[in-house]
C-alpha atoms as a PDB file:
ATOM      1  CA  MET A   1     -18.791  10.895 -16.840  1.00  0.00           C
ATOM      2  CA  GLN A   2     -18.657  10.506 -13.255  1.00  0.00           C
ATOM      3  CA  VAL A   3     -16.369  13.916 -12.770  1.00  0.00           C
ATOM      4  CA  LEU A   4     -19.386  15.855 -14.400  1.00  0.00           C
ATOM      5  CA  ARG A   5     -22.096  14.095 -11.941  1.00  0.00           C
ATOM      6  CA  THR A   6     -19.871  14.984  -8.783  1.00  0.00           C
ATOM      7  CA  LEU A   7     -19.683  18.512 -10.006  1.00  0.00           C
ATOM      8  CA  ILE A   8     -23.358  18.686 -11.029  1.00  0.00           C
ATOM      9  CA  LEU A   9     -23.609  17.847  -7.124  1.00  0.00           C
ATOM     10  CA  CYS A  10     -20.938  20.109  -5.887  1.00  0.00           C
ATOM     11  CA  SER A  11     -22.584  23.115  -7.319  1.00  0.00           C
ATOM     12  CA  ALA A  12     -25.936  22.568  -6.349  1.00  0.00           C
ATOM     13  CA  GLY A  13     -25.423  23.063  -3.156  1.00  0.00           C
ATOM     14  CA  LEU A  14     -23.630  26.396  -3.554  1.00  0.00           C
ATOM     15  CA  ALA A  15     -27.165  27.461  -4.901  1.00  0.00           C
ATOM     16  CA  PHE A  16     -28.245  26.936  -1.326  1.00  0.00           C
ATOM     17  CA  ALA A  17     -25.475  28.759   0.629  1.00  0.00           C
ATOM     18  CA  HIS A  18     -26.916  32.317   2.413  1.00  0.00           C
ATOM     19  CA  GLU A  19     -26.307  35.025   1.860  1.00  0.00           C
ATOM     20  CA  VAL A  20     -25.278  37.652   4.517  1.00  0.00           C
ATOM     21  CA  PRO A  21     -27.793  40.242   4.588  1.00  0.00           C
ATOM     22  CA  ALA A  22     -26.302  43.990   3.003  1.00  0.00           C
ATOM     23  CA  ASN A  23     -26.799  46.004   7.075  1.00  0.00           C
ATOM     24  CA  LEU A  24     -25.383  42.929   9.175  1.00  0.00           C
ATOM     25  CA  GLN A  25     -22.034  42.802   7.031  1.00  0.00           C
ATOM     26  CA  GLU A  26     -21.906  46.785   7.373  1.00  0.00           C
ATOM     27  CA  ILE A  27     -22.054  45.978  11.027  1.00  0.00           C
ATOM     28  CA  TYR A  28     -19.614  43.562  10.926  1.00  0.00           C
ATOM     29  CA  LYS A  29     -17.301  45.984   8.862  1.00  0.00           C
ATOM     30  CA  SER A  30     -17.690  49.133  10.677  1.00  0.00           C
ATOM     31  CA  HIS A  31     -17.099  47.387  13.975  1.00  0.00           C
ATOM     32  CA  LYS A  32     -14.869  44.436  13.501  1.00  0.00           C
ATOM     33  CA  ALA A  33     -11.831  46.836  13.518  1.00  0.00           C
ATOM     34  CA  ALA A  34     -12.896  48.616  16.782  1.00  0.00           C
ATOM     35  CA  LYS A  35     -13.037  48.368  20.966  1.00  0.00           C
ATOM     36  CA  CYS A  36     -15.797  48.108  23.100  1.00  0.00           C
ATOM     37  CA  ASP A  37     -16.660  51.085  24.378  1.00  0.00           C
ATOM     38  CA  ASN A  38     -19.516  49.855  26.570  1.00  0.00           C
ATOM     39  CA  LEU A  39     -18.317  46.415  28.068  1.00  0.00           C
ATOM     40  CA  LEU A  40     -20.438  44.454  29.878  1.00  0.00           C
ATOM     41  CA  ALA A  41     -18.953  42.125  31.439  1.00  0.00           C
ATOM     42  CA  LYS A  42     -14.983  40.855  30.712  1.00  0.00           C
ATOM     43  CA  GLY A  43     -13.176  37.776  31.921  1.00  0.00           C
ATOM     44  CA  PHE A  44     -14.655  35.170  29.576  1.00  0.00           C
ATOM     45  CA  SER A  45     -13.023  32.469  27.387  1.00  0.00           C
ATOM     46  CA  ASP A  46     -13.701  32.171  23.110  1.00  0.00           C
ATOM     47  CA  GLY A  47     -13.019  28.243  24.164  1.00  0.00           C
ATOM     48  CA  SER A  48      -9.355  28.212  22.694  1.00  0.00           C
ATOM     49  CA  LYS A  49      -6.975  30.464  24.752  1.00  0.00           C
ATOM     50  CA  GLY A  50      -7.404  32.916  27.115  1.00  0.00           C
ATOM     51  CA  THR A  51     -10.101  34.733  29.185  1.00  0.00           C
ATOM     52  CA  ASP A  52     -10.063  38.043  26.779  1.00  0.00           C
ATOM     53  CA  MET A  53     -13.568  38.314  26.057  1.00  0.00           C
ATOM     54  CA  GLY A  54     -16.007  40.373  27.369  1.00  0.00           C
ATOM     55  CA  TYR A  55     -19.801  40.835  26.874  1.00  0.00           C
ATOM     56  CA  CYS A  56     -20.209  44.527  24.645  1.00  0.00           C
ATOM     57  CA  SER A  57     -22.984  46.524  24.200  1.00  0.00           C
ATOM     58  CA  ASP A  58     -21.760  48.860  21.457  1.00  0.00           C
ATOM     59  CA  ILE A  59     -24.605  48.034  18.943  1.00  0.00           C
ATOM     60  CA  ASP A  60     -28.067  49.302  20.242  1.00  0.00           C
ATOM     61  CA  GLY A  61     -29.904  46.246  20.277  1.00  0.00           C
ATOM     62  CA  ALA A  62     -27.525  43.735  20.510  1.00  0.00           C
ATOM     63  CA  ILE A  63     -25.233  41.654  23.088  1.00  0.00           C
ATOM     64  CA  PHE A  64     -21.882  39.871  21.467  1.00  0.00           C
ATOM     65  CA  LEU A  65     -18.575  38.633  22.621  1.00  0.00           C
ATOM     66  CA  HIS A  66     -15.567  40.378  21.411  1.00  0.00           C
ATOM     67  CA  SER A  67     -12.248  40.869  21.959  1.00  0.00           C
ATOM     68  CA  ILE A  68     -10.793  43.062  24.388  1.00  0.00           C
ATOM     69  CA  SER A  69      -7.142  42.778  23.775  1.00  0.00           C
ATOM     70  CA  LYS A  70      -7.552  42.199  19.692  1.00  0.00           C
ATOM     71  CA  GLY A  71      -9.589  44.660  19.248  1.00  0.00           C
ATOM     72  CA  GLY A  72     -12.379  43.357  16.577  1.00  0.00           C
ATOM     73  CA  ALA A  73     -11.715  39.527  17.510  1.00  0.00           C
ATOM     74  CA  TYR A  74     -15.204  38.449  17.729  1.00  0.00           C
ATOM     75  CA  ALA A  75     -16.085  34.583  19.381  1.00  0.00           C
ATOM     76  CA  ASP A  76     -18.344  32.242  18.111  1.00  0.00           C
ATOM     77  CA  MET A  77     -21.800  31.673  19.106  1.00  0.00           C
ATOM     78  CA  ASP A  78     -22.948  27.514  19.650  1.00  0.00           C
ATOM     79  CA  VAL A  79     -26.335  27.520  19.124  1.00  0.00           C
ATOM     80  CA  ASP A  80     -27.447  24.132  20.798  1.00  0.00           C
ATOM     81  CA  CYS A  81     -30.806  22.768  20.801  1.00  0.00           C
ATOM     82  CA  ASP A  82     -31.285  21.225  23.836  1.00  0.00           C
ATOM     83  CA  GLY A  83     -34.386  20.889  26.120  1.00  0.00           C
ATOM     84  CA  ALA A  84     -37.741  19.420  24.900  1.00  0.00           C
ATOM     85  CA  ASN A  85     -38.421  18.367  21.827  1.00  0.00           C
ATOM     86  CA  ASN A  86     -34.152  18.307  20.935  1.00  0.00           C
ATOM     87  CA  SER A  87     -34.740  15.992  17.836  1.00  0.00           C
ATOM     88  CA  GLU A  88     -37.543  17.697  15.968  1.00  0.00           C
ATOM     89  CA  GLY A  89     -38.226  20.239  13.580  1.00  0.00           C
ATOM     90  CA  GLY A  90     -34.536  22.530  12.739  1.00  0.00           C
ATOM     91  CA  CYS A  91     -32.965  21.086  15.981  1.00  0.00           C
ATOM     92  CA  SER A  92     -33.272  16.587  14.238  1.00  0.00           C
ATOM     93  CA  ASN A  93     -29.863  17.433  12.973  1.00  0.00           C
ATOM     94  CA  ASP A  94     -28.043  18.338  16.353  1.00  0.00           C
ATOM     95  CA  PRO A  95     -25.839  15.541  17.222  1.00  0.00           C
ATOM     96  CA  SER A  96     -25.009  17.424  20.910  1.00  0.00           C
ATOM     97  CA  GLY A  97     -28.281  18.318  21.482  1.00  0.00           C
ATOM     98  CA  GLN A  98     -29.860  17.250  25.874  1.00  0.00           C
ATOM     99  CA  ALA A  99     -33.137  15.871  26.109  1.00  0.00           C
ATOM    100  CA  VAL A 100     -33.319  18.599  29.457  1.00  0.00           C
ATOM    101  CA  THR A 101     -31.897  22.055  29.955  1.00  0.00           C
ATOM    102  CA  ALA A 102     -30.958  23.898  33.543  1.00  0.00           C
ATOM    103  CA  PHE A 103     -34.079  25.910  33.260  1.00  0.00           C
ATOM    104  CA  GLN A 104     -36.874  23.121  34.218  1.00  0.00           C
ATOM    105  CA  ASN A 105     -37.466  24.771  37.733  1.00  0.00           C
ATOM    106  CA  GLU A 106     -37.743  28.495  36.067  1.00  0.00           C
ATOM    107  CA  VAL A 107     -40.293  27.591  33.644  1.00  0.00           C
ATOM    108  CA  LYS A 108     -42.428  24.992  35.298  1.00  0.00           C
ATOM    109  CA  HIS A 109     -44.165  28.371  37.184  1.00  0.00           C
ATOM    110  CA  PHE A 110     -45.359  28.944  33.332  1.00  0.00           C
ATOM    111  CA  GLY A 111     -46.607  25.631  32.716  1.00  0.00           C
ATOM    112  CA  ILE A 112     -44.031  24.799  30.830  1.00  0.00           C
ATOM    113  CA  LYS A 113     -42.117  21.511  31.340  1.00  0.00           C
ATOM    114  CA  ASP A 114     -38.877  22.903  30.053  1.00  0.00           C
ATOM    115  CA  LEU A 115     -37.524  24.401  27.000  1.00  0.00           C
ATOM    116  CA  ASP A 116     -38.535  23.920  23.753  1.00  0.00           C
ATOM    117  CA  ALA A 117     -35.812  25.543  21.028  1.00  0.00           C
ATOM    118  CA  ASN A 118     -38.161  25.085  17.993  1.00  0.00           C
ATOM    119  CA  ILE A 119     -40.488  26.922  20.173  1.00  0.00           C
ATOM    120  CA  HIS A 120     -38.706  29.433  22.793  1.00  0.00           C
ATOM    121  CA  PRO A 121     -35.414  30.697  20.660  1.00  0.00           C
ATOM    122  CA  TYR A 122     -32.997  30.897  23.797  1.00  0.00           C
ATOM    123  CA  ILE A 123     -29.224  31.894  24.959  1.00  0.00           C
ATOM    124  CA  VAL A 124     -27.727  31.601  27.814  1.00  0.00           C
ATOM    125  CA  PHE A 125     -25.097  34.272  28.544  1.00  0.00           C
ATOM    126  CA  GLY A 126     -22.108  33.601  31.401  1.00  0.00           C
ATOM    127  CA  ASN A 127     -19.753  30.822  31.755  1.00  0.00           C
ATOM    128  CA  GLU A 128     -18.872  29.011  34.733  1.00  0.00           C
ATOM    129  CA  GLU A 129     -18.161  31.222  37.989  1.00  0.00           C
ATOM    130  CA  HIS A 130     -19.237  34.276  36.773  1.00  0.00           C
ATOM    131  CA  LYS A 131     -22.636  36.405  36.060  1.00  0.00           C
ATOM    132  CA  PRO A 132     -22.553  39.155  33.691  1.00  0.00           C
END
């Protein structure tokens, strides 16, 4: 009985998995084996070793990290919930969230104390000592 209960609970979790949309699957398949023709900046690390990642803009409306030496190897992107309300909403389960961002001085000109990932989705590009 315990095994059956475990199987039911495990299979229930599968029903909540997200499917990748067909258009995103097609972009991934068609570009994965290709080289980057529109390299914006290079010399970045994927976090594991080396610095052969570059910001690529081959896909209209998108910028992504792409391996220069390995063709279609992509780097993962870490989504953080730093800033105001970092323990609320969709950020409530991010144990790495920090209560402030480095953008406080920038956003105060707009009457905002700090970025709130629940309201202001943002991405930080770049590695230390490099401006893409």
